[in-house]
Amino acid sequence: MHIDIAEVRIKERTLYLLLAIDRTSKLALAKMETEANRYTPTVITQALARVGFR
């Protein structure tokens, strides 16, 4: 599992693109957030749990 965060600037706003990729199951999930801190990766792991990833 690889989780990455990228900062995306659109005009005067900054958004954060969260991307999780699992090469074994070929599952990828992307999510945009308005804030990023040290707990931000938890957001994407919770989203993965909702889609049934173990």
PDB file of N, CA and C in Angstrom:
ATOM      1  N   MET A   1       0.844  -1.168   0.000  1.00  0.00           N
ATOM      2  CA  MET A   1       0.000   0.000   0.000  1.00  0.00           C
ATOM      3  C   MET A   1       0.888   1.229   0.000  1.00  0.00           C
ATOM      4  N   HIS A   2       0.599   2.138  -0.873  1.00  0.00           N
ATOM      5  CA  HIS A   2       1.326   3.400  -0.940  1.00  0.00           C
ATOM      6  C   HIS A   2       0.316   4.533  -0.811  1.00  0.00           C
ATOM      7  N   ILE A   3       0.563   5.445   0.111  1.00  0.00           N
ATOM      8  CA  ILE A   3      -0.300   6.617   0.298  1.00  0.00           C
ATOM      9  C   ILE A   3       0.539   7.859   0.040  1.00  0.00           C
ATOM     10  N   ASP A   4       0.014   8.753  -0.777  1.00  0.00           N
ATOM     11  CA  ASP A   4       0.734   9.969  -1.129  1.00  0.00           C
ATOM     12  C   ASP A   4      -0.199  11.168  -0.989  1.00  0.00           C
ATOM     13  N   ILE A   5       0.377  12.326  -0.685  1.00  0.00           N
ATOM     14  CA  ILE A   5      -0.373  13.572  -0.566  1.00  0.00           C
ATOM     15  C   ILE A   5       0.294  14.613  -1.474  1.00  0.00           C
ATOM     16  N   ALA A   6      -0.514  15.277  -2.293  1.00  0.00           N
ATOM     17  CA  ALA A   6      -0.004  16.328  -3.173  1.00  0.00           C
ATOM     18  C   ALA A   6      -0.801  17.600  -2.940  1.00  0.00           C
ATOM     19  N   GLU A   7      -0.110  18.715  -2.922  1.00  0.00           N
ATOM     20  CA  GLU A   7      -0.758  20.012  -2.757  1.00  0.00           C
ATOM     21  C   GLU A   7      -1.143  20.541  -4.134  1.00  0.00           C
ATOM     22  N   VAL A   8      -2.421  20.906  -4.290  1.00  0.00           N
ATOM     23  CA  VAL A   8      -2.932  21.405  -5.562  1.00  0.00           C
ATOM     24  C   VAL A   8      -3.439  22.820  -5.330  1.00  0.00           C
ATOM     25  N   ARG A   9      -2.878  23.776  -6.053  1.00  0.00           N
ATOM     26  CA  ARG A   9      -3.309  25.176  -5.916  1.00  0.00           C
ATOM     27  C   ARG A   9      -4.161  25.572  -7.109  1.00  0.00           C
ATOM     28  N   ILE A  10      -5.375  26.013  -6.790  1.00  0.00           N
ATOM     29  CA  ILE A  10      -6.320  26.459  -7.803  1.00  0.00           C
ATOM     30  C   ILE A  10      -6.725  27.874  -7.446  1.00  0.00           C
ATOM     31  N   LYS A  11      -6.307  28.819  -8.272  1.00  0.00           N
ATOM     32  CA  LYS A  11      -6.513  30.244  -8.008  1.00  0.00           C
ATOM     33  C   LYS A  11      -6.010  30.588  -6.610  1.00  0.00           C
ATOM     34  N   GLU A  12      -6.892  30.961  -5.713  1.00  0.00           N
ATOM     35  CA  GLU A  12      -6.466  31.359  -4.375  1.00  0.00           C
ATOM     36  C   GLU A  12      -6.675  30.270  -3.334  1.00  0.00           C
ATOM     37  N   ARG A  13      -7.129  29.096  -3.759  1.00  0.00           N
ATOM     38  CA  ARG A  13      -7.383  27.985  -2.837  1.00  0.00           C
ATOM     39  C   ARG A  13      -6.276  26.939  -2.932  1.00  0.00           C
ATOM     40  N   THR A  14      -6.048  26.271  -1.830  1.00  0.00           N
ATOM     41  CA  THR A  14      -5.131  25.143  -1.800  1.00  0.00           C
ATOM     42  C   THR A  14      -5.908  23.912  -1.366  1.00  0.00           C
ATOM     43  N   LEU A  15      -5.860  22.889  -2.188  1.00  0.00           N
ATOM     44  CA  LEU A  15      -6.498  21.617  -1.879  1.00  0.00           C
ATOM     45  C   LEU A  15      -5.408  20.551  -1.782  1.00  0.00           C
ATOM     46  N   TYR A  16      -5.728  19.457  -1.133  1.00  0.00           N
ATOM     47  CA  TYR A  16      -4.764  18.378  -0.959  1.00  0.00           C
ATOM     48  C   TYR A  16      -5.344  17.107  -1.567  1.00  0.00           C
ATOM     49  N   LEU A  17      -4.600  16.544  -2.487  1.00  0.00           N
ATOM     50  CA  LEU A  17      -4.997  15.315  -3.153  1.00  0.00           C
ATOM     51  C   LEU A  17      -4.375  14.146  -2.402  1.00  0.00           C
ATOM     52  N   LEU A  18      -5.219  13.278  -1.868  1.00  0.00           N
ATOM     53  CA  LEU A  18      -4.770  12.074  -1.178  1.00  0.00           C
ATOM     54  C   LEU A  18      -4.943  10.910  -2.140  1.00  0.00           C
ATOM     55  N   LEU A  19      -3.906  10.123  -2.292  1.00  0.00           N
ATOM     56  CA  LEU A  19      -3.935   9.018  -3.228  1.00  0.00           C
ATOM     57  C   LEU A  19      -3.417   7.765  -2.550  1.00  0.00           C
ATOM     58  N   ALA A  20      -4.185   6.708  -2.613  1.00  0.00           N
ATOM     59  CA  ALA A  20      -3.769   5.409  -2.074  1.00  0.00           C
ATOM     60  C   ALA A  20      -3.762   4.404  -3.215  1.00  0.00           C
ATOM     61  N   ILE A  21      -2.673   3.678  -3.342  1.00  0.00           N
ATOM     62  CA  ILE A  21      -2.535   2.687  -4.405  1.00  0.00           C
ATOM     63  C   ILE A  21      -2.065   1.369  -3.796  1.00  0.00           C
ATOM     64  N   ASP A  22      -2.777   0.303  -4.122  1.00  0.00           N
ATOM     65  CA  ASP A  22      -2.355  -1.033  -3.724  1.00  0.00           C
ATOM     66  C   ASP A  22      -2.106  -1.819  -5.003  1.00  0.00           C
ATOM     67  N   ARG A  23      -0.859  -2.137  -5.257  1.00  0.00           N
ATOM     68  CA  ARG A  23      -0.502  -2.816  -6.507  1.00  0.00           C
ATOM     69  C   ARG A  23      -0.957  -4.270  -6.530  1.00  0.00           C
ATOM     70  N   THR A  24      -1.055  -4.902  -5.378  1.00  0.00           N
ATOM     71  CA  THR A  24      -1.457  -6.300  -5.328  1.00  0.00           C
ATOM     72  C   THR A  24      -2.909  -6.477  -5.768  1.00  0.00           C
ATOM     73  N   SER A  25      -3.805  -5.698  -5.189  1.00  0.00           N
ATOM     74  CA  SER A  25      -5.226  -5.825  -5.529  1.00  0.00           C
ATOM     75  C   SER A  25      -5.642  -4.902  -6.667  1.00  0.00           C
ATOM     76  N   LYS A  26      -4.707  -4.070  -7.142  1.00  0.00           N
ATOM     77  CA  LYS A  26      -4.967  -3.103  -8.215  1.00  0.00           C
ATOM     78  C   LYS A  26      -6.080  -2.117  -7.844  1.00  0.00           C
ATOM     79  N   LEU A  27      -6.102  -1.735  -6.576  1.00  0.00           N
ATOM     80  CA  LEU A  27      -7.074  -0.782  -6.064  1.00  0.00           C
ATOM     81  C   LEU A  27      -6.405   0.583  -5.934  1.00  0.00           C
ATOM     82  N   ALA A  28      -7.086   1.607  -6.409  1.00  0.00           N
ATOM     83  CA  ALA A  28      -6.599   2.974  -6.260  1.00  0.00           C
ATOM     84  C   ALA A  28      -7.761   3.839  -5.782  1.00  0.00           C
ATOM     85  N   LEU A  29      -7.459   4.761  -4.895  1.00  0.00           N
ATOM     86  CA  LEU A  29      -8.478   5.649  -4.347  1.00  0.00           C
ATOM     87  C   LEU A  29      -7.887   7.044  -4.241  1.00  0.00           C
ATOM     88  N   ALA A  30      -8.614   8.037  -4.733  1.00  0.00           N
ATOM     89  CA  ALA A  30      -8.176   9.429  -4.653  1.00  0.00           C
ATOM     90  C   ALA A  30      -9.254  10.232  -3.933  1.00  0.00           C
ATOM     91  N   LYS A  31      -8.818  11.211  -3.147  1.00  0.00           N
ATOM     92  CA  LYS A  31      -9.747  12.042  -2.376  1.00  0.00           C
ATOM     93  C   LYS A  31      -9.141  13.433  -2.246  1.00  0.00           C
ATOM     94  N   MET A  32      -9.979  14.448  -2.385  1.00  0.00           N
ATOM     95  CA  MET A  32      -9.533  15.835  -2.208  1.00  0.00           C
ATOM     96  C   MET A  32      -9.966  16.326  -0.831  1.00  0.00           C
ATOM     97  N   GLU A  33      -9.060  16.990  -0.139  1.00  0.00           N
ATOM     98  CA  GLU A  33      -9.329  17.549   1.186  1.00  0.00           C
ATOM     99  C   GLU A  33      -8.939  19.026   1.193  1.00  0.00           C
ATOM    100  N   THR A  34      -9.554  19.791   2.083  1.00  0.00           N
ATOM    101  CA  THR A  34      -9.227  21.214   2.192  1.00  0.00           C
ATOM    102  C   THR A  34      -8.110  21.474   3.196  1.00  0.00           C
ATOM    103  N   GLU A  35      -7.841  20.505   4.061  1.00  0.00           N
ATOM    104  CA  GLU A  35      -6.787  20.653   5.060  1.00  0.00           C
ATOM    105  C   GLU A  35      -5.893  19.422   5.047  1.00  0.00           C
ATOM    106  N   ALA A  36      -4.651  19.611   5.428  1.00  0.00           N
ATOM    107  CA  ALA A  36      -3.735  18.477   5.569  1.00  0.00           C
ATOM    108  C   ALA A  36      -2.904  18.688   6.823  1.00  0.00           C
ATOM    109  N   ASN A  37      -2.863  17.653   7.645  1.00  0.00           N
ATOM    110  CA  ASN A  37      -2.016  17.657   8.828  1.00  0.00           C
ATOM    111  C   ASN A  37      -1.530  16.231   9.044  1.00  0.00           C
ATOM    112  N   ARG A  38      -0.978  15.949  10.192  1.00  0.00           N
ATOM    113  CA  ARG A  38      -0.426  14.609  10.377  1.00  0.00           C
ATOM    114  C   ARG A  38      -1.488  13.524  10.497  1.00  0.00           C
ATOM    115  N   TYR A  39      -2.746  13.910  10.663  1.00  0.00           N
ATOM    116  CA  TYR A  39      -3.838  12.942  10.735  1.00  0.00           C
ATOM    117  C   TYR A  39      -4.541  12.741   9.392  1.00  0.00           C
ATOM    118  N   THR A  40      -4.166  13.477   8.392  1.00  0.00           N
ATOM    119  CA  THR A  40      -4.811  13.402   7.088  1.00  0.00           C
ATOM    120  C   THR A  40      -4.759  12.004   6.468  1.00  0.00           C
ATOM    121  N   PRO A  41      -3.664  11.258   6.555  1.00  0.00           N
ATOM    122  CA  PRO A  41      -3.679   9.897   5.991  1.00  0.00           C
ATOM    123  C   PRO A  41      -4.749   8.989   6.607  1.00  0.00           C
ATOM    124  N   THR A  42      -5.191   9.307   7.806  1.00  0.00           N
ATOM    125  CA  THR A  42      -6.267   8.536   8.429  1.00  0.00           C
ATOM    126  C   THR A  42      -7.546   8.635   7.608  1.00  0.00           C
ATOM    127  N   VAL A  43      -7.765   9.773   6.981  1.00  0.00           N
ATOM    128  CA  VAL A  43      -8.970   9.983   6.158  1.00  0.00           C
ATOM    129  C   VAL A  43      -9.014   8.965   5.031  1.00  0.00           C
ATOM    130  N   ILE A  44      -7.904   8.772   4.358  1.00  0.00           N
ATOM    131  CA  ILE A  44      -7.900   7.845   3.222  1.00  0.00           C
ATOM    132  C   ILE A  44      -7.963   6.392   3.682  1.00  0.00           C
ATOM    133  N   THR A  45      -7.378   6.070   4.820  1.00  0.00           N
ATOM    134  CA  THR A  45      -7.479   4.695   5.309  1.00  0.00           C
ATOM    135  C   THR A  45      -8.906   4.385   5.746  1.00  0.00           C
ATOM    136  N   GLN A  46      -9.612   5.361   6.298  1.00  0.00           N
ATOM    137  CA  GLN A  46     -11.018   5.159   6.655  1.00  0.00           C
ATOM    138  C   GLN A  46     -11.868   4.984   5.396  1.00  0.00           C
ATOM    139  N   ALA A  47     -11.555   5.737   4.341  1.00  0.00           N
ATOM    140  CA  ALA A  47     -12.280   5.589   3.075  1.00  0.00           C
ATOM    141  C   ALA A  47     -12.029   4.212   2.476  1.00  0.00           C
ATOM    142  N   LEU A  48     -10.804   3.717   2.593  1.00  0.00           N
ATOM    143  CA  LEU A  48     -10.502   2.364   2.112  1.00  0.00           C
ATOM    144  C   LEU A  48     -11.287   1.314   2.883  1.00  0.00           C
ATOM    145  N   ALA A  49     -11.430   1.519   4.180  1.00  0.00           N
ATOM    146  CA  ALA A  49     -12.197   0.573   4.998  1.00  0.00           C
ATOM    147  C   ALA A  49     -13.662   0.555   4.577  1.00  0.00           C
ATOM    148  N   ARG A  50     -14.197   1.716   4.173  1.00  0.00           N
ATOM    149  CA  ARG A  50     -15.599   1.783   3.742  1.00  0.00           C
ATOM    150  C   ARG A  50     -15.846   1.022   2.434  1.00  0.00           C
ATOM    151  N   VAL A  51     -14.835   0.965   1.559  1.00  0.00           N
ATOM    152  CA  VAL A  51     -15.011   0.229   0.297  1.00  0.00           C
ATOM    153  C   VAL A  51     -14.655  -1.244   0.449  1.00  0.00           C
ATOM    154  N   GLY A  52     -14.256  -1.651   1.636  1.00  0.00           N
ATOM    155  CA  GLY A  52     -14.024  -3.057   1.898  1.00  0.00           C
ATOM    156  C   GLY A  52     -12.593  -3.533   1.751  1.00  0.00           C
ATOM    157  N   PHE A  53     -11.629  -2.608   1.678  1.00  0.00           N
ATOM    158  CA  PHE A  53     -10.223  -3.004   1.580  1.00  0.00           C
ATOM    159  C   PHE A  53      -9.734  -3.483   2.938  1.00  0.00           C
ATOM    160  N   ARG A  54      -8.991  -4.590   2.959  1.00  0.00           N
ATOM    161  CA  ARG A  54      -8.444  -5.113   4.226  1.00  0.00           C
ATOM    162  C   ARG A  54      -6.948  -5.151   4.175  1.00  0.00           C
TER     163      ARG A  54
END
